[in-house]
Structure formats: structure tokens, C-alpha cells
Protein backbone atom coordinates (compact mmCIF):
# COMPACT_ATOMS: atom_id res chain seq x y z
CA MET A 1 122.56 108.03 90.09
CA PRO A 2 121.23 105.26 92.38
CA THR A 3 118.01 103.60 91.24
CA VAL A 4 115.14 101.76 92.91
CA GLN A 5 112.63 99.81 90.88
CA ILE A 6 109.02 99.36 91.99
CA LYS A 7 107.05 96.24 91.08
CA THR A 8 103.63 97.89 91.38
CA ILE A 9 102.81 101.27 89.86
CA SER A 10 101.45 103.64 92.50
CA PHE A 11 101.26 107.42 92.63
CA HIS A 12 101.07 107.39 96.42
CA PRO A 13 104.22 108.94 97.96
CA SER A 14 104.73 106.03 100.39
CA ILE A 15 106.04 102.78 98.90
CA TRP A 16 105.86 99.64 101.06
CA PRO A 17 108.67 97.01 101.13
CA LYS A 18 106.60 94.42 99.22
CA MET A 19 106.33 96.90 96.30
CA ILE A 20 110.12 97.27 95.93
CA GLY A 21 111.93 95.49 93.09
CA GLU A 22 115.60 95.72 92.15
CA VAL A 23 117.82 98.27 93.92
CA SER A 24 121.15 99.44 92.50
CA ARG A 25 124.23 98.59 94.59
CA ASP A 26 125.18 102.25 95.03
CA ALA A 27 121.86 103.17 96.73
CA ARG A 28 122.68 104.12 100.33
CA PRO A 29 120.32 104.88 103.21
CA GLY A 30 119.04 108.45 102.87
CA ASP A 31 119.94 108.80 99.19
CA LEU A 32 117.90 110.64 96.61
CA VAL A 33 117.23 107.92 94.04
CA GLN A 34 115.70 107.64 90.61
CA VAL A 35 112.55 105.52 90.73
CA LEU A 36 112.06 103.06 87.89
CA GLY A 37 108.79 101.47 86.85
CA LYS A 38 108.30 97.72 86.57
CA GLU A 39 109.58 97.80 82.99
CA GLY A 40 112.76 99.57 84.12
CA THR A 41 111.81 102.93 82.58
CA PRO A 42 112.10 106.25 84.51
CA PHE A 43 109.06 106.81 86.74
CA GLY A 44 110.07 109.47 89.27
CA TRP A 45 112.34 110.35 92.21
CA GLY A 46 112.35 109.52 95.89
CA LEU A 47 114.24 109.17 99.15
CA TRP A 48 115.54 105.70 99.97
CA ASN A 49 116.16 103.88 103.24
CA PRO A 50 116.05 100.05 103.20
CA LYS A 51 115.85 99.96 107.04
CA SER A 52 112.63 101.96 107.16
CA ARG A 53 109.10 100.58 107.48
CA MET A 54 108.42 102.69 104.38
CA PRO A 55 111.70 102.31 102.45
CA LEU A 56 110.84 104.61 99.52
CA ARG A 57 109.22 108.04 99.79
CA VAL A 58 108.47 109.38 96.30
CA VAL A 59 108.74 113.17 95.97
CA SER A 60 108.21 113.50 92.21
CA HIS A 61 106.45 111.37 89.60
CA LEU A 62 108.15 113.15 86.70
CA PRO A 63 110.96 111.38 84.80
CA ASP A 64 112.91 114.65 84.36
CA GLU A 65 116.25 114.73 86.19
CA LEU A 66 116.06 116.00 89.75
CA ASP A 67 118.71 116.95 92.32
CA GLU A 68 118.93 118.34 95.89
CA SER A 69 117.84 121.79 94.72
CA PHE A 70 114.34 120.29 94.46
CA PHE A 71 114.04 120.43 98.26
CA GLU A 72 115.24 124.03 98.42
CA ARG A 73 112.51 124.98 95.97
CA ALA A 74 110.01 123.01 98.05
CA ILE A 75 110.93 125.04 101.17
CA ARG A 76 110.54 128.34 99.31
CA ARG A 77 107.23 127.17 97.83
CA ALA A 78 105.96 126.19 101.30
CA ALA A 79 106.84 129.64 102.66
CA GLN A 80 105.22 131.36 99.67
CA LEU A 81 101.94 129.49 100.31
CA ARG A 82 101.79 130.44 104.01
CA ARG A 83 103.15 133.98 103.90
CA GLU A 84 102.16 135.38 100.50
CA THR A 85 99.11 133.40 99.37
CA LEU A 86 97.43 132.71 102.73
CA LYS A 87 98.89 135.80 104.49
CA LEU A 88 98.91 133.96 107.83
CA ASP A 89 101.24 136.48 109.49
CA ALA A 90 98.37 138.97 109.65
CA ASP A 91 96.48 136.92 112.27
CA THR A 92 99.17 134.85 113.95
CA ASN A 93 102.89 134.29 114.38
CA SER A 94 102.35 130.55 114.79
CA TYR A 95 101.59 128.10 111.98
CA ARG A 96 102.66 124.89 110.24
CA ALA A 97 105.65 125.83 108.10
CA ILE A 98 106.42 122.42 106.56
CA HIS A 99 103.82 119.66 106.38
CA GLY A 100 105.92 116.65 105.41
CA ASP A 101 104.93 114.81 102.23
CA ALA A 102 102.23 117.38 101.48
CA ASP A 103 105.02 119.96 101.02
CA PHE A 104 107.25 117.43 99.19
CA LEU A 105 109.57 117.19 102.21
CA PRO A 106 108.88 113.72 103.65
CA GLY A 107 110.15 113.03 107.12
CA MET A 108 109.95 116.60 108.38
CA VAL A 109 107.18 118.55 110.08
CA ALA A 110 108.03 122.09 111.17
CA ASP A 111 105.96 124.65 113.04
CA LYS A 112 106.78 128.34 113.37
CA PHE A 113 106.30 129.68 116.90
CA ALA A 114 107.29 133.38 116.80
CA ASP A 115 111.08 133.27 116.22
CA VAL A 116 111.38 129.54 117.02
CA LEU A 117 111.15 126.76 114.44
CA SER A 118 110.02 123.50 116.06
CA VAL A 119 111.06 120.58 113.85
CA GLU A 120 109.96 116.96 114.16
CA ILE A 121 112.10 114.52 112.16
CA THR A 122 110.72 111.09 111.28
CA ASN A 123 113.16 109.66 108.71
CA LEU A 124 116.88 109.41 108.05
CA ALA A 125 116.87 111.41 104.80
CA ALA A 126 115.36 114.49 106.47
CA TRP A 127 117.76 114.17 109.44
CA GLN A 128 120.75 114.05 107.06
CA ARG A 129 119.61 117.13 105.14
CA LEU A 130 118.42 119.33 108.00
CA PRO A 131 121.84 121.05 108.41
CA GLN A 132 121.56 122.23 104.78
CA TRP A 133 117.86 123.06 104.98
CA LEU A 134 117.85 124.94 108.28
CA PRO A 135 119.45 128.25 107.15
CA LEU A 136 116.93 128.49 104.32
CA LEU A 137 114.04 127.61 106.67
CA HIS A 138 115.09 130.41 109.03
CA GLU A 139 115.34 132.84 106.13
CA CYS A 140 111.97 131.91 104.66
CA PHE A 141 109.99 131.85 107.92
CA ASP A 142 111.71 134.66 109.78
CA THR A 143 112.91 132.42 112.64
CA ARG A 144 116.22 132.44 114.53
CA ARG A 145 116.12 129.49 116.91
CA VAL A 146 115.35 125.81 116.41
CA VAL A 147 114.03 122.95 118.54
CA VAL A 148 114.53 119.49 117.02
CA SER A 149 112.75 116.34 118.18
CA VAL A 150 113.25 112.75 117.00
CA ASP A 151 111.21 109.87 118.42
CA GLU A 152 113.59 107.32 119.94
CA GLU A 153 111.80 104.30 118.49
CA LEU A 154 111.66 105.85 115.01
CA ALA A 155 115.35 106.77 115.27
CA ARG A 156 116.21 103.14 116.02
CA ILE A 157 114.18 101.85 113.08
CA GLU A 158 115.41 104.51 110.63
CA GLY A 159 119.06 104.26 111.73
CA ILE A 160 119.21 107.90 112.80
CA PRO A 161 122.38 108.41 114.89
CA SER A 162 122.00 109.61 118.46
CA ARG A 163 124.76 112.16 117.94
CA GLY A 164 125.51 114.66 115.20
CA GLY A 165 123.07 116.56 113.03
CA VAL A 166 121.31 119.73 114.11
CA GLU A 167 121.07 120.26 117.86
CA SER A 168 118.27 122.21 119.54
CA ASP A 169 118.93 125.73 120.73
CA PRO A 170 118.52 126.29 124.50
CA VAL A 171 114.93 127.50 124.35
CA ARG A 172 112.38 126.21 126.87
CA SER A 173 109.30 128.17 125.91
CA VAL A 174 108.01 131.00 123.74
CA LYS A 175 104.83 133.08 123.71
CA ILE A 176 102.73 133.21 120.54
CA ARG A 177 99.64 135.11 119.37
CA GLU A 178 96.62 133.76 117.52
CA HIS A 179 93.45 135.69 116.59
CA GLY A 180 93.82 137.97 119.62
CA ALA A 181 94.65 135.18 122.08
CA ARG A 182 98.09 134.48 123.51
CA TYR A 183 99.60 131.13 124.42
CA GLU A 184 102.83 129.86 125.88
CA VAL A 185 104.43 126.97 124.02
CA ASP A 186 106.56 124.84 126.36
CA PHE A 187 108.92 122.70 124.28
CA SER A 188 110.02 120.66 127.28
CA GLN A 189 106.47 119.47 127.98
CA GLY A 190 104.32 119.80 124.86
CA HIS A 191 103.19 117.10 122.45
CA LYS A 192 104.61 116.78 118.93
CA THR A 193 106.09 120.17 117.94
CA GLY A 194 104.71 121.81 121.11
CA PHE A 195 101.28 123.20 120.13
CA PHE A 196 98.48 122.15 117.79
CA CYS A 197 98.44 124.80 115.05
CA ASP A 198 96.03 122.69 113.00
CA GLN A 199 93.05 123.75 115.16
CA ARG A 200 93.76 127.51 114.91
CA ASP A 201 90.84 128.38 112.61
CA ASN A 202 88.53 125.99 114.46
CA ARG A 203 89.39 127.65 117.78
CA HIS A 204 88.48 131.00 116.22
CA GLN A 205 85.19 129.65 114.84
CA PHE A 206 84.40 128.00 118.18
CA GLY A 207 84.82 131.34 119.96
CA LYS A 208 82.24 132.91 117.67
CA LEU A 209 79.65 130.40 118.94
CA ALA A 210 80.45 130.90 122.63
CA ASP A 211 79.11 134.35 123.51
CA GLY A 212 76.68 134.05 126.42
CA ARG A 213 76.80 130.23 126.42
CA THR A 214 78.11 127.79 129.02
CA VAL A 215 81.01 125.85 127.49
CA LEU A 216 82.62 122.45 128.10
CA ASP A 217 86.01 121.60 126.55
CA LEU A 218 86.59 117.83 126.86
CA CYS A 219 90.21 116.73 126.32
CA CYS A 220 91.21 120.39 126.47
CA TYR A 221 95.03 119.87 126.24
CA THR A 222 96.54 123.35 126.85
CA GLY A 223 93.17 125.14 126.81
CA GLY A 224 92.88 126.51 123.27
CA PHE A 225 89.14 126.05 122.71
CA ALA A 226 88.27 126.99 126.31
CA ILE A 227 90.31 130.19 126.12
CA SER A 228 88.82 131.15 122.75
CA ALA A 229 85.35 130.71 124.25
CA ALA A 230 86.14 132.70 127.39
CA LEU A 231 87.63 135.59 125.41
CA ALA A 232 84.54 135.63 123.16
CA GLY A 233 82.18 136.15 126.10
CA ALA A 234 81.16 132.67 127.27
CA GLY A 235 79.23 132.73 130.52
CA ASP A 236 80.94 129.76 132.15
CA VAL A 237 83.81 127.65 130.81
CA THR A 238 85.06 124.23 131.99
CA GLY A 239 88.07 122.34 130.65
CA VAL A 240 88.92 118.68 131.36
CA ASP A 241 92.05 116.68 130.54
CA LEU A 242 93.81 113.59 131.88
CA ASP A 243 97.31 114.98 131.31
CA GLU A 244 98.36 116.84 134.45
CA VAL A 245 101.10 118.75 132.59
CA SER A 246 98.60 119.89 129.95
CA ILE A 247 96.18 121.13 132.62
CA SER A 248 99.01 123.08 134.25
CA MET A 249 99.85 124.67 130.88
CA ALA A 250 96.15 125.40 130.26
CA LYS A 251 95.91 127.26 133.57
CA ARG A 252 99.00 129.26 132.66
CA ASN A 253 97.53 130.15 129.26
CA ALA A 254 94.26 131.20 130.89
CA ASN A 255 96.18 133.50 133.23
CA ILE A 256 98.10 135.03 130.31
CA ASN A 257 94.75 135.91 128.71
CA SER A 258 93.01 136.90 132.00
CA ALA A 259 90.41 134.24 131.15
CA LYS A 260 88.24 132.75 133.89
CA ILE A 261 88.09 128.99 133.29
CA LYS A 262 87.56 125.99 135.57
CA PHE A 263 90.15 123.37 134.60
CA THR A 264 89.86 119.83 135.96
CA HIS A 265 92.54 117.12 135.92
CA ALA A 266 90.50 113.97 135.21
CA ASP A 267 89.87 111.16 132.76
CA ALA A 268 87.29 112.54 130.30
CA PHE A 269 85.34 109.26 130.15
CA THR A 270 85.04 108.81 133.93
CA TRP A 271 84.37 112.51 134.53
CA ALA A 272 81.68 112.63 131.83
CA ARG A 273 79.86 109.64 133.36
CA THR A 274 79.83 111.40 136.74
CA MET A 275 78.44 114.59 135.20
CA ILE A 276 75.72 112.60 133.41
CA GLU A 277 74.71 111.03 136.73
CA ASN A 278 74.53 114.55 138.17
CA ASP A 279 72.35 115.76 135.24
CA ARG A 280 74.91 118.43 134.27
CA THR A 281 74.70 119.95 130.80
CA TRP A 282 76.40 122.76 128.85
CA ASP A 283 75.18 124.92 125.96
CA LEU A 284 78.30 124.32 123.85
CA VAL A 285 80.41 121.17 124.13
CA ILE A 286 83.57 120.21 122.26
CA ALA A 287 85.33 116.84 122.34
CA ASP A 288 88.87 117.00 120.93
CA PRO A 289 90.60 113.78 122.02
CA PRO A 290 94.12 112.60 121.19
CA LYS A 291 94.62 110.15 118.33
CA PHE A 292 92.74 106.95 119.21
CA ILE A 293 93.30 104.97 116.00
CA HIS A 294 96.84 103.86 115.11
CA GLY A 295 96.17 101.30 112.35
CA ARG A 296 93.60 100.42 109.71
CA GLU A 297 91.91 97.71 111.82
CA ASP A 298 92.03 99.41 115.20
CA GLU A 299 88.72 98.31 116.74
CA ILE A 300 89.68 99.54 120.22
CA GLY A 301 90.33 103.06 118.88
CA THR A 302 87.04 103.04 116.99
CA ALA A 303 85.22 101.98 120.14
CA LYS A 304 86.85 104.83 122.08
CA TYR A 305 85.54 107.39 119.58
CA ALA A 306 82.06 105.89 119.86
CA ASP A 307 82.16 105.88 123.67
CA LEU A 308 83.48 109.43 124.01
CA ASN A 309 80.88 110.83 121.61
CA LYS A 310 78.07 108.89 123.31
CA LEU A 311 79.06 110.44 126.63
CA ALA A 312 79.76 113.97 125.35
CA LEU A 313 76.42 114.16 123.53
CA GLN A 314 74.60 113.52 126.83
CA LEU A 315 76.31 116.60 128.28
CA VAL A 316 74.84 118.93 125.65
CA ALA A 317 71.86 120.98 126.81
CA PRO A 318 68.59 120.69 124.81
CA GLU A 319 69.18 122.27 121.38
CA GLY A 320 72.74 123.00 122.42
CA LEU A 321 75.76 122.95 120.12
CA TYR A 322 78.20 120.04 119.77
CA VAL A 323 81.63 120.05 118.13
CA THR A 324 83.57 116.80 117.84
CA CYS A 325 87.02 116.08 116.41
CA SER A 326 89.22 113.24 115.23
CA CYS A 327 92.91 113.57 114.40
CA SER A 328 93.29 109.91 113.37
CA GLY A 329 94.51 109.84 109.77
CA MET A 330 93.48 106.18 109.40
CA LEU A 331 89.85 107.11 110.14
CA GLY A 332 88.12 108.53 107.09
CA ALA A 333 85.78 111.51 107.31
CA GLY A 334 82.77 109.38 106.36
CA ASP A 335 83.58 106.71 108.94
CA PHE A 336 84.07 109.31 111.66
CA GLU A 337 80.75 110.95 110.83
CA ARG A 338 79.00 107.56 110.96
CA ILE A 339 80.45 106.92 114.44
CA VAL A 340 79.21 110.28 115.72
CA ILE A 341 75.76 109.97 114.12
CA THR A 342 75.32 106.41 115.41
CA SER A 343 76.31 107.54 118.90
CA ALA A 344 73.67 110.28 118.73
CA HIS A 345 70.90 108.05 117.37
CA ARG A 346 71.52 105.42 120.04
CA ARG A 347 70.81 108.11 122.64
CA ASP A 348 67.64 109.05 120.69
CA LYS A 349 69.16 112.36 119.59
CA ARG A 350 69.40 113.94 116.15
CA LEU A 351 72.22 116.12 114.86
CA GLN A 352 71.60 119.20 112.75
CA ILE A 353 75.04 119.34 111.14
CA PHE A 354 75.91 122.83 110.00
CA ASP A 355 79.61 122.59 109.19
CA ARG A 356 82.42 120.16 108.50
CA THR A 357 85.98 121.46 108.82
CA GLY A 358 89.51 120.16 109.22
CA ALA A 359 93.04 121.44 109.66
CA GLY A 360 93.89 125.00 108.66
CA PRO A 361 95.18 125.79 105.17
CA ASP A 362 98.78 125.70 106.46
CA HIS A 363 98.22 121.90 106.67
CA PRO A 364 97.63 121.16 102.97
CA SER A 365 96.76 117.65 101.77
CA LEU A 366 98.00 116.05 98.57
CA SER A 367 95.49 114.74 96.06
CA ASN A 368 97.51 111.49 95.81
CA TYR A 369 97.93 111.21 99.60
CA PRO A 370 94.43 111.21 101.17
CA GLU A 371 95.83 110.28 104.61
CA SER A 372 97.33 113.77 104.81
CA ARG A 373 93.77 114.99 105.47
CA TYR A 374 93.84 113.65 109.00
CA LEU A 375 91.82 116.16 111.08
CA LYS A 376 88.03 116.02 110.93
CA VAL A 377 85.75 118.43 112.83
CA LEU A 378 81.96 118.05 112.85
CA TRP A 379 79.79 121.00 113.95
CA SER A 380 76.15 120.42 114.90
CA ARG A 381 73.12 121.38 116.95
CA VAL A 382 71.72 118.55 119.04
CA ILE A 383 67.96 118.10 118.67
């Protein structure tokens, strides 16, 4: 069995190059390896790739012998959580099936969209094993077709071949249901796996606040929050996004649901400034931007969050409701909340925070991997 020794003891699943010690000669890229502690004693098991930015991904910190059947059990355990424990199929046919390291399957994120499994591969080990894993994934999640995506830059770094492996089935789009709403997922145009399942419960909760209120959905992507609000009885709904393709998909989703929504193709920052100059306000405002922060010292990303929240807060009517989100894993919940609160106080506003939420339960986070809790949602009334 190939071995990799670590110089620094860490129970985090991601091991950086500077933490790697001796590596046995028979350890090949993508191998399941035994992890040894700094004294050379058994410490755990992981997936190895010396070419990767993160060469060792630890999947178990137990010294007991482990083989490839570990990953089969992980897939079954992931399905059991979603389908038996959480009973997600009762409200939706779309959810996160595999959540990477948090489901002990590093390098793979998979979402179920009706009978389609949308898989995003981010390391060589997962790419190598997907042909063996896929039949079991289909069996466990009641899917028949697969769409596979691999980022070109990541593929180059990881040494993932451009040919071979699992190829995507010829599926362009699929319709899904979620808490009474319907959406079309377009795999040729969508971000990541095609649709953001992580906001499902938040969309539902947002709808409950919308009845009779005017609603603004800033950075609306394909219209999820706006549609939830319209279906729940909002009086007037506006959605804004810079991505022209996303706006087109949002309009299509609104039509599918017979929802009356005004969608605008515009930069949220510029558009918000114009609305402030025009003294426009809404009773319920949500800001759900794309990931702004891409590293631990990303001052530009932090400034963008501050600017967007400063603008969005000025669009909330007196004693209106404000919901703001961050999907940047490198930004902690406390830091995000400080940015939002500071933005409010600088505009001489106070926030009556009544809820703090995150991704749905199909996006679990590991206790030894705090970055897996990436989505933060702050719910407040603006006073």
C-alpha cells in the first residue's frame, strides 16, 4: 500500500504541500494512500496527487485498513441522509447529492435534477473513479442521465486527461420542482452544476415574507427568489442581474410559473445607484451576489460586499425587510455580519436581525472542515 507521511498533524481534510513529508515510490497520482504521522505511525487514509495544489485529501483519520469500498459506503450514506433522514424527495426532485469532502468524496460535487445527475469534478482521483461510482450514484439517487463538467484550468493543474473517463449524456435541459415552484435547468448555460440547490430552503422562507410586499431581487441569477416571492403573493417583483444569459433563463422560469416579474439586465451596483437617486424603495430586498472573495486576504472582494450592502440597504423602505447573502467560503459568518452591520450603521440605519441561515441540510459541513459552511444568509428588518 502506498504511503504519504505528513510533517504536521492536522485533522483538516486538505493537506498543503509544505505539510508533506516522505512519499513512498509506489504512490501514483490519484492513488488511495495510507497517511503516516510525523513519527511514521499510521494516521489515516487519503487521496494523493503530487501535481495538485492540495496534494493530499484525507478521507479518514482512523488507522484501520481502508480500501475502495469506503467510497461506495460513502455514496450510500450520502443517499441515506438525503432520502431517508431528510426526506427531501417529498418537497423537491432537485438537491445536492454529493457534497465533496463533507460526504467523504473529495473532488466531486453532484446535484440531482429530476433524472439527471450533474457532476462537477475538481481532482484527478474523483475523475479516475467516476466510471466505477456512477452506476451506484444512479441507483442511489434514482437518476438515469449524467452531465459531467471539469474546469479546464483545474484539469491542467490536476493532470486530468482531456479524453476518456465518463462522458456527458446528450441532455441540454431538464425541468425540476421545488416547494411548488418549477424551474428549467439549462446545463449548456448554467453556473457550476446548473442551479443553486443550496438556497432552496431560503427561497421558500423568502416567499413566506413576500405576501403583499413589493420585492427587489438583486443579483437574481435565474430568478429563484423573485419567483418564490411572486408565487407567494408579492405585489410587485423586480429582478436585476448583469448576466444576460441568466436574465433570459429567469424570464423563462417566470413564464413556466406564470409569475409576473420585471427582470432587468444591468450591473447591480450601477442600477442600485440610479434607483437611489430616483428615491426608489421596496418593502423586501434581497442581495444574493456571486462569490466575491477568492482568497483569505481578498480586500477587493471584501470591499465589494461592503459596497453592495451599502447600496441595497438604501433601497429598503422604512421598516422594510432585508435579506443578504454571501457564498464566499473564505469569509466567515462573523466577518460577513460585521460587513453588513457596518454598512447599515454608516447609513445611520439599524438592523433588527431575526434569523441567520445557510445552505440547506443537503449541503452538510464537517466539524473538522469549517470552510464547508460557505453560505451565509442574514435576515433583518431595517429600522
